[in-house]
Amino acid sequence: MPAPNFEFPVYEATEEDDEEIPDEIRRLLDRERKTVQPHEEAIEIINLGSEEDKKEIRIGASLEMTVKK
């Protein structure tokens, strides 16, 4: 292990421009970008009132019928 050089600050170190992301990681990152989408849930609108006096609520369409009643 090389000895630390306190006379040469880290922020002045040279960067290696030729570093590349491995192909497998690049492929996984590209796939991750494509699959991230906003969450959208199917909803169902139910009228709890009458035809004249509508009182609509929105519930998740994936709920079981026992929960909807």
PDB file of N, CA and C in Angstrom:
ATOM      1  N   MET A   1       0.851  -1.179   0.000  1.00  0.00           N
ATOM      2  CA  MET A   1       0.000   0.000   0.000  1.00  0.00           C
ATOM      3  C   MET A   1       0.896   1.240   0.000  1.00  0.00           C
ATOM      4  N   PRO A   2       0.649   2.167  -0.936  1.00  0.00           N
ATOM      5  CA  PRO A   2       1.501   3.364  -0.992  1.00  0.00           C
ATOM      6  C   PRO A   2       1.239   4.281   0.199  1.00  0.00           C
ATOM      7  N   ALA A   3       2.260   4.992   0.589  1.00  0.00           N
ATOM      8  CA  ALA A   3       2.145   5.941   1.695  1.00  0.00           C
ATOM      9  C   ALA A   3       1.366   7.166   1.227  1.00  0.00           C
ATOM     10  N   PRO A   4       0.529   7.745   2.103  1.00  0.00           N
ATOM     11  CA  PRO A   4      -0.229   8.937   1.703  1.00  0.00           C
ATOM     12  C   PRO A   4       0.691  10.133   1.478  1.00  0.00           C
ATOM     13  N   ASN A   5       0.335  10.939   0.490  1.00  0.00           N
ATOM     14  CA  ASN A   5       1.106  12.132   0.168  1.00  0.00           C
ATOM     15  C   ASN A   5       0.256  13.346   0.527  1.00  0.00           C
ATOM     16  N   PHE A   6       0.525  13.935   1.684  1.00  0.00           N
ATOM     17  CA  PHE A   6      -0.275  15.056   2.159  1.00  0.00           C
ATOM     18  C   PHE A   6       0.091  16.371   1.475  1.00  0.00           C
ATOM     19  N   GLU A   7       1.129  16.381   0.674  1.00  0.00           N
ATOM     20  CA  GLU A   7       1.536  17.571  -0.064  1.00  0.00           C
ATOM     21  C   GLU A   7       0.736  17.722  -1.356  1.00  0.00           C
ATOM     22  N   PHE A   8       0.051  16.673  -1.776  1.00  0.00           N
ATOM     23  CA  PHE A   8      -0.704  16.675  -3.035  1.00  0.00           C
ATOM     24  C   PHE A   8      -2.188  16.466  -2.716  1.00  0.00           C
ATOM     25  N   PRO A   9      -2.997  17.543  -2.672  1.00  0.00           N
ATOM     26  CA  PRO A   9      -4.422  17.407  -2.323  1.00  0.00           C
ATOM     27  C   PRO A   9      -5.174  16.501  -3.306  1.00  0.00           C
ATOM     28  N   VAL A  10      -6.167  15.826  -2.788  1.00  0.00           N
ATOM     29  CA  VAL A  10      -6.945  14.885  -3.595  1.00  0.00           C
ATOM     30  C   VAL A  10      -7.685  15.601  -4.724  1.00  0.00           C
ATOM     31  N   TYR A  11      -8.192  16.791  -4.470  1.00  0.00           N
ATOM     32  CA  TYR A  11      -8.967  17.494  -5.494  1.00  0.00           C
ATOM     33  C   TYR A  11      -8.106  17.919  -6.681  1.00  0.00           C
ATOM     34  N   GLU A  12      -6.792  17.838  -6.554  1.00  0.00           N
ATOM     35  CA  GLU A  12      -5.909  18.150  -7.671  1.00  0.00           C
ATOM     36  C   GLU A  12      -5.451  16.899  -8.414  1.00  0.00           C
ATOM     37  N   ALA A  13      -5.939  15.764  -8.000  1.00  0.00           N
ATOM     38  CA  ALA A  13      -5.543  14.507  -8.637  1.00  0.00           C
ATOM     39  C   ALA A  13      -6.066  14.461 -10.063  1.00  0.00           C
ATOM     40  N   THR A  14      -5.343  13.790 -10.910  1.00  0.00           N
ATOM     41  CA  THR A  14      -5.779  13.657 -12.300  1.00  0.00           C
ATOM     42  C   THR A  14      -6.818  12.549 -12.402  1.00  0.00           C
ATOM     43  N   GLU A  15      -7.792  12.767 -13.240  1.00  0.00           N
ATOM     44  CA  GLU A  15      -8.835  11.770 -13.449  1.00  0.00           C
ATOM     45  C   GLU A  15      -8.529  10.976 -14.700  1.00  0.00           C
ATOM     46  N   GLU A  16      -8.859   9.718 -14.634  1.00  0.00           N
ATOM     47  CA  GLU A  16      -8.669   8.869 -15.796  1.00  0.00           C
ATOM     48  C   GLU A  16      -9.935   8.908 -16.636  1.00  0.00           C
ATOM     49  N   ASP A  17      -9.835   9.445 -17.838  1.00  0.00           N
ATOM     50  CA  ASP A  17     -10.991   9.578 -18.716  1.00  0.00           C
ATOM     51  C   ASP A  17     -11.341   8.286 -19.439  1.00  0.00           C
ATOM     52  N   ASP A  18     -10.435   7.340 -19.435  1.00  0.00           N
ATOM     53  CA  ASP A  18     -10.680   6.134 -20.211  1.00  0.00           C
ATOM     54  C   ASP A  18     -11.459   5.060 -19.444  1.00  0.00           C
ATOM     55  N   GLU A  19     -11.924   5.370 -18.231  1.00  0.00           N
ATOM     56  CA  GLU A  19     -12.706   4.390 -17.479  1.00  0.00           C
ATOM     57  C   GLU A  19     -14.079   4.251 -18.120  1.00  0.00           C
ATOM     58  N   GLU A  20     -14.507   3.031 -18.299  1.00  0.00           N
ATOM     59  CA  GLU A  20     -15.811   2.769 -18.899  1.00  0.00           C
ATOM     60  C   GLU A  20     -16.643   1.916 -17.968  1.00  0.00           C
ATOM     61  N   ILE A  21     -17.939   2.069 -18.095  1.00  0.00           N
ATOM     62  CA  ILE A  21     -18.857   1.211 -17.362  1.00  0.00           C
ATOM     63  C   ILE A  21     -18.879  -0.134 -18.074  1.00  0.00           C
ATOM     64  N   PRO A  22     -18.756  -1.230 -17.327  1.00  0.00           N
ATOM     65  CA  PRO A  22     -18.822  -2.544 -17.984  1.00  0.00           C
ATOM     66  C   PRO A  22     -20.142  -2.716 -18.738  1.00  0.00           C
ATOM     67  N   ASP A  23     -20.088  -3.462 -19.832  1.00  0.00           N
ATOM     68  CA  ASP A  23     -21.258  -3.639 -20.696  1.00  0.00           C
ATOM     69  C   ASP A  23     -22.461  -4.190 -19.946  1.00  0.00           C
ATOM     70  N   GLU A  24     -22.237  -5.127 -19.034  1.00  0.00           N
ATOM     71  CA  GLU A  24     -23.356  -5.730 -18.309  1.00  0.00           C
ATOM     72  C   GLU A  24     -24.064  -4.704 -17.434  1.00  0.00           C
ATOM     73  N   ILE A  25     -23.306  -3.854 -16.754  1.00  0.00           N
ATOM     74  CA  ILE A  25     -23.908  -2.812 -15.914  1.00  0.00           C
ATOM     75  C   ILE A  25     -24.615  -1.783 -16.780  1.00  0.00           C
ATOM     76  N   ARG A  26     -24.030  -1.426 -17.906  1.00  0.00           N
ATOM     77  CA  ARG A  26     -24.670  -0.477 -18.817  1.00  0.00           C
ATOM     78  C   ARG A  26     -26.006  -1.034 -19.325  1.00  0.00           C
ATOM     79  N   ARG A  27     -26.027  -2.321 -19.652  1.00  0.00           N
ATOM     80  CA  ARG A  27     -27.250  -2.962 -20.142  1.00  0.00           C
ATOM     81  C   ARG A  27     -28.322  -2.970 -19.048  1.00  0.00           C
ATOM     82  N   LEU A  28     -27.932  -3.263 -17.805  1.00  0.00           N
ATOM     83  CA  LEU A  28     -28.887  -3.268 -16.697  1.00  0.00           C
ATOM     84  C   LEU A  28     -29.430  -1.865 -16.432  1.00  0.00           C
ATOM     85  N   LEU A  29     -28.576  -0.857 -16.529  1.00  0.00           N
ATOM     86  CA  LEU A  29     -29.032   0.521 -16.330  1.00  0.00           C
ATOM     87  C   LEU A  29     -30.008   0.946 -17.421  1.00  0.00           C
ATOM     88  N   ASP A  30     -29.723   0.575 -18.664  1.00  0.00           N
ATOM     89  CA  ASP A  30     -30.631   0.904 -19.765  1.00  0.00           C
ATOM     90  C   ASP A  30     -31.980   0.231 -19.565  1.00  0.00           C
ATOM     91  N   ARG A  31     -31.971  -1.033 -19.135  1.00  0.00           N
ATOM     92  CA  ARG A  31     -33.225  -1.755 -18.905  1.00  0.00           C
ATOM     93  C   ARG A  31     -34.004  -1.129 -17.751  1.00  0.00           C
ATOM     94  N   GLU A  32     -33.307  -0.692 -16.711  1.00  0.00           N
ATOM     95  CA  GLU A  32     -33.957  -0.064 -15.563  1.00  0.00           C
ATOM     96  C   GLU A  32     -34.627   1.243 -15.976  1.00  0.00           C
ATOM     97  N   ARG A  33     -33.982   2.020 -16.823  1.00  0.00           N
ATOM     98  CA  ARG A  33     -34.579   3.276 -17.289  1.00  0.00           C
ATOM     99  C   ARG A  33     -35.875   3.026 -18.038  1.00  0.00           C
ATOM    100  N   LYS A  34     -35.925   1.946 -18.795  1.00  0.00           N
ATOM    101  CA  LYS A  34     -37.108   1.652 -19.600  1.00  0.00           C
ATOM    102  C   LYS A  34     -38.270   1.167 -18.748  1.00  0.00           C
ATOM    103  N   THR A  35     -38.011   0.456 -17.655  1.00  0.00           N
ATOM    104  CA  THR A  35     -39.086  -0.151 -16.879  1.00  0.00           C
ATOM    105  C   THR A  35     -39.662   0.771 -15.812  1.00  0.00           C
ATOM    106  N   VAL A  36     -38.992   1.841 -15.458  1.00  0.00           N
ATOM    107  CA  VAL A  36     -39.501   2.742 -14.436  1.00  0.00           C
ATOM    108  C   VAL A  36     -40.583   3.619 -15.053  1.00  0.00           C
ATOM    109  N   GLN A  37     -41.807   3.439 -14.566  1.00  0.00           N
ATOM    110  CA  GLN A  37     -42.944   4.206 -15.065  1.00  0.00           C
ATOM    111  C   GLN A  37     -43.807   4.616 -13.882  1.00  0.00           C
ATOM    112  N   PRO A  38     -44.604   5.653 -14.036  1.00  0.00           N
ATOM    113  CA  PRO A  38     -45.474   6.056 -12.933  1.00  0.00           C
ATOM    114  C   PRO A  38     -46.502   4.974 -12.632  1.00  0.00           C
ATOM    115  N   HIS A  39     -46.870   4.896 -11.370  1.00  0.00           N
ATOM    116  CA  HIS A  39     -47.841   3.891 -10.946  1.00  0.00           C
ATOM    117  C   HIS A  39     -49.242   4.303 -11.393  1.00  0.00           C
ATOM    118  N   GLU A  40     -49.922   3.416 -12.077  1.00  0.00           N
ATOM    119  CA  GLU A  40     -51.301   3.657 -12.483  1.00  0.00           C
ATOM    120  C   GLU A  40     -52.132   2.466 -12.055  1.00  0.00           C
ATOM    121  N   GLU A  41     -53.174   2.736 -11.287  1.00  0.00           N
ATOM    122  CA  GLU A  41     -54.052   1.670 -10.830  1.00  0.00           C
ATOM    123  C   GLU A  41     -55.393   1.812 -11.540  1.00  0.00           C
ATOM    124  N   ALA A  42     -55.942   0.681 -11.957  1.00  0.00           N
ATOM    125  CA  ALA A  42     -57.262   0.708 -12.582  1.00  0.00           C
ATOM    126  C   ALA A  42     -58.281   1.100 -11.512  1.00  0.00           C
ATOM    127  N   ILE A  43     -59.123   2.082 -11.835  1.00  0.00           N
ATOM    128  CA  ILE A  43     -60.130   2.523 -10.870  1.00  0.00           C
ATOM    129  C   ILE A  43     -61.519   2.304 -11.441  1.00  0.00           C
ATOM    130  N   GLU A  44     -62.463   2.223 -10.535  1.00  0.00           N
ATOM    131  CA  GLU A  44     -63.861   2.039 -10.901  1.00  0.00           C
ATOM    132  C   GLU A  44     -64.650   3.164 -10.237  1.00  0.00           C
ATOM    133  N   ILE A  45     -65.543   3.806 -10.985  1.00  0.00           N
ATOM    134  CA  ILE A  45     -66.362   4.890 -10.444  1.00  0.00           C
ATOM    135  C   ILE A  45     -67.721   4.313 -10.074  1.00  0.00           C
ATOM    136  N   ILE A  46     -68.119   4.516  -8.813  1.00  0.00           N
ATOM    137  CA  ILE A  46     -69.400   4.002  -8.320  1.00  0.00           C
ATOM    138  C   ILE A  46     -70.243   5.177  -7.854  1.00  0.00           C
ATOM    139  N   ASN A  47     -71.519   5.197  -8.260  1.00  0.00           N
ATOM    140  CA  ASN A  47     -72.453   6.242  -7.863  1.00  0.00           C
ATOM    141  C   ASN A  47     -73.188   5.776  -6.611  1.00  0.00           C
ATOM    142  N   LEU A  48     -73.002   6.478  -5.489  1.00  0.00           N
ATOM    143  CA  LEU A  48     -73.685   6.145  -4.243  1.00  0.00           C
ATOM    144  C   LEU A  48     -74.993   6.912  -4.102  1.00  0.00           C
ATOM    145  N   GLY A  49     -75.253   7.839  -4.992  1.00  0.00           N
ATOM    146  CA  GLY A  49     -76.476   8.628  -4.946  1.00  0.00           C
ATOM    147  C   GLY A  49     -77.486   8.105  -5.945  1.00  0.00           C
ATOM    148  N   SER A  50     -78.293   9.010  -6.471  1.00  0.00           N
ATOM    149  CA  SER A  50     -79.297   8.649  -7.470  1.00  0.00           C
ATOM    150  C   SER A  50     -78.863   9.210  -8.820  1.00  0.00           C
ATOM    151  N   GLU A  51     -79.694   8.976  -9.841  1.00  0.00           N
ATOM    152  CA  GLU A  51     -79.376   9.503 -11.173  1.00  0.00           C
ATOM    153  C   GLU A  51     -79.370  11.031 -11.164  1.00  0.00           C
ATOM    154  N   GLU A  52     -80.290  11.631 -10.399  1.00  0.00           N
ATOM    155  CA  GLU A  52     -80.371  13.092 -10.347  1.00  0.00           C
ATOM    156  C   GLU A  52     -79.296  13.689  -9.434  1.00  0.00           C
ATOM    157  N   ASP A  53     -79.071  13.047  -8.296  1.00  0.00           N
ATOM    158  CA  ASP A  53     -78.114  13.548  -7.303  1.00  0.00           C
ATOM    159  C   ASP A  53     -76.944  12.568  -7.210  1.00  0.00           C
ATOM    160  N   LYS A  54     -75.997  12.723  -8.124  1.00  0.00           N
ATOM    161  CA  LYS A  54     -74.880  11.782  -8.194  1.00  0.00           C
ATOM    162  C   LYS A  54     -73.880  12.050  -7.077  1.00  0.00           C
ATOM    163  N   LYS A  55     -73.452  10.987  -6.444  1.00  0.00           N
ATOM    164  CA  LYS A  55     -72.388  11.034  -5.440  1.00  0.00           C
ATOM    165  C   LYS A  55     -71.415   9.920  -5.802  1.00  0.00           C
ATOM    166  N   GLU A  56     -70.456  10.284  -6.643  1.00  0.00           N
ATOM    167  CA  GLU A  56     -69.543   9.283  -7.181  1.00  0.00           C
ATOM    168  C   GLU A  56     -68.294   9.152  -6.312  1.00  0.00           C
ATOM    169  N   ILE A  57     -67.859   7.911  -6.180  1.00  0.00           N
ATOM    170  CA  ILE A  57     -66.590   7.633  -5.515  1.00  0.00           C
ATOM    171  C   ILE A  57     -65.733   6.820  -6.475  1.00  0.00           C
ATOM    172  N   ARG A  58     -64.458   6.868  -6.261  1.00  0.00           N
ATOM    173  CA  ARG A  58     -63.524   6.097  -7.092  1.00  0.00           C
ATOM    174  C   ARG A  58     -62.816   5.094  -6.186  1.00  0.00           C
ATOM    175  N   ILE A  59     -62.853   3.837  -6.603  1.00  0.00           N
ATOM    176  CA  ILE A  59     -62.183   2.794  -5.835  1.00  0.00           C
ATOM    177  C   ILE A  59     -61.308   1.979  -6.769  1.00  0.00           C
ATOM    178  N   GLY A  60     -60.370   1.279  -6.197  1.00  0.00           N
ATOM    179  CA  GLY A  60     -59.497   0.422  -7.000  1.00  0.00           C
ATOM    180  C   GLY A  60     -60.284  -0.725  -7.597  1.00  0.00           C
ATOM    181  N   ALA A  61     -60.164  -0.927  -8.888  1.00  0.00           N
ATOM    182  CA  ALA A  61     -60.901  -1.988  -9.571  1.00  0.00           C
ATOM    183  C   ALA A  61     -60.381  -3.362  -9.194  1.00  0.00           C
ATOM    184  N   SER A  62     -59.195  -3.437  -8.619  1.00  0.00           N
ATOM    185  CA  SER A  62     -58.630  -4.736  -8.264  1.00  0.00           C
ATOM    186  C   SER A  62     -59.084  -5.221  -6.891  1.00  0.00           C
ATOM    187  N   LEU A  63     -59.882  -4.413  -6.180  1.00  0.00           N
ATOM    188  CA  LEU A  63     -60.387  -4.839  -4.876  1.00  0.00           C
ATOM    189  C   LEU A  63     -61.370  -5.990  -5.038  1.00  0.00           C
ATOM    190  N   GLU A  64     -61.438  -6.847  -4.016  1.00  0.00           N
ATOM    191  CA  GLU A  64     -62.393  -7.953  -4.048  1.00  0.00           C
ATOM    192  C   GLU A  64     -63.806  -7.409  -3.875  1.00  0.00           C
ATOM    193  N   MET A  65     -64.784  -8.150  -4.359  1.00  0.00           N
ATOM    194  CA  MET A  65     -66.184  -7.714  -4.273  1.00  0.00           C
ATOM    195  C   MET A  65     -66.624  -7.551  -2.819  1.00  0.00           C
ATOM    196  N   THR A  66     -66.128  -8.369  -1.900  1.00  0.00           N
ATOM    197  CA  THR A  66     -66.523  -8.251  -0.490  1.00  0.00           C
ATOM    198  C   THR A  66     -66.063  -6.923   0.102  1.00  0.00           C
ATOM    199  N   VAL A  67     -64.976  -6.374  -0.372  1.00  0.00           N
ATOM    200  CA  VAL A  67     -64.478  -5.090   0.115  1.00  0.00           C
ATOM    201  C   VAL A  67     -65.280  -3.949  -0.492  1.00  0.00           C
ATOM    202  N   LYS A  68     -65.750  -4.113  -1.719  1.00  0.00           N
ATOM    203  CA  LYS A  68     -66.483  -3.053  -2.414  1.00  0.00           C
ATOM    204  C   LYS A  68     -67.878  -2.833  -1.839  1.00  0.00           C
ATOM    205  N   LYS A  69     -68.447  -3.827  -1.175  1.00  0.00           N
ATOM    206  CA  LYS A  69     -69.837  -3.700  -0.677  1.00  0.00           C
ATOM    207  C   LYS A  69     -69.908  -2.909   0.576  1.00  0.00           C
TER     208      LYS A  69
END
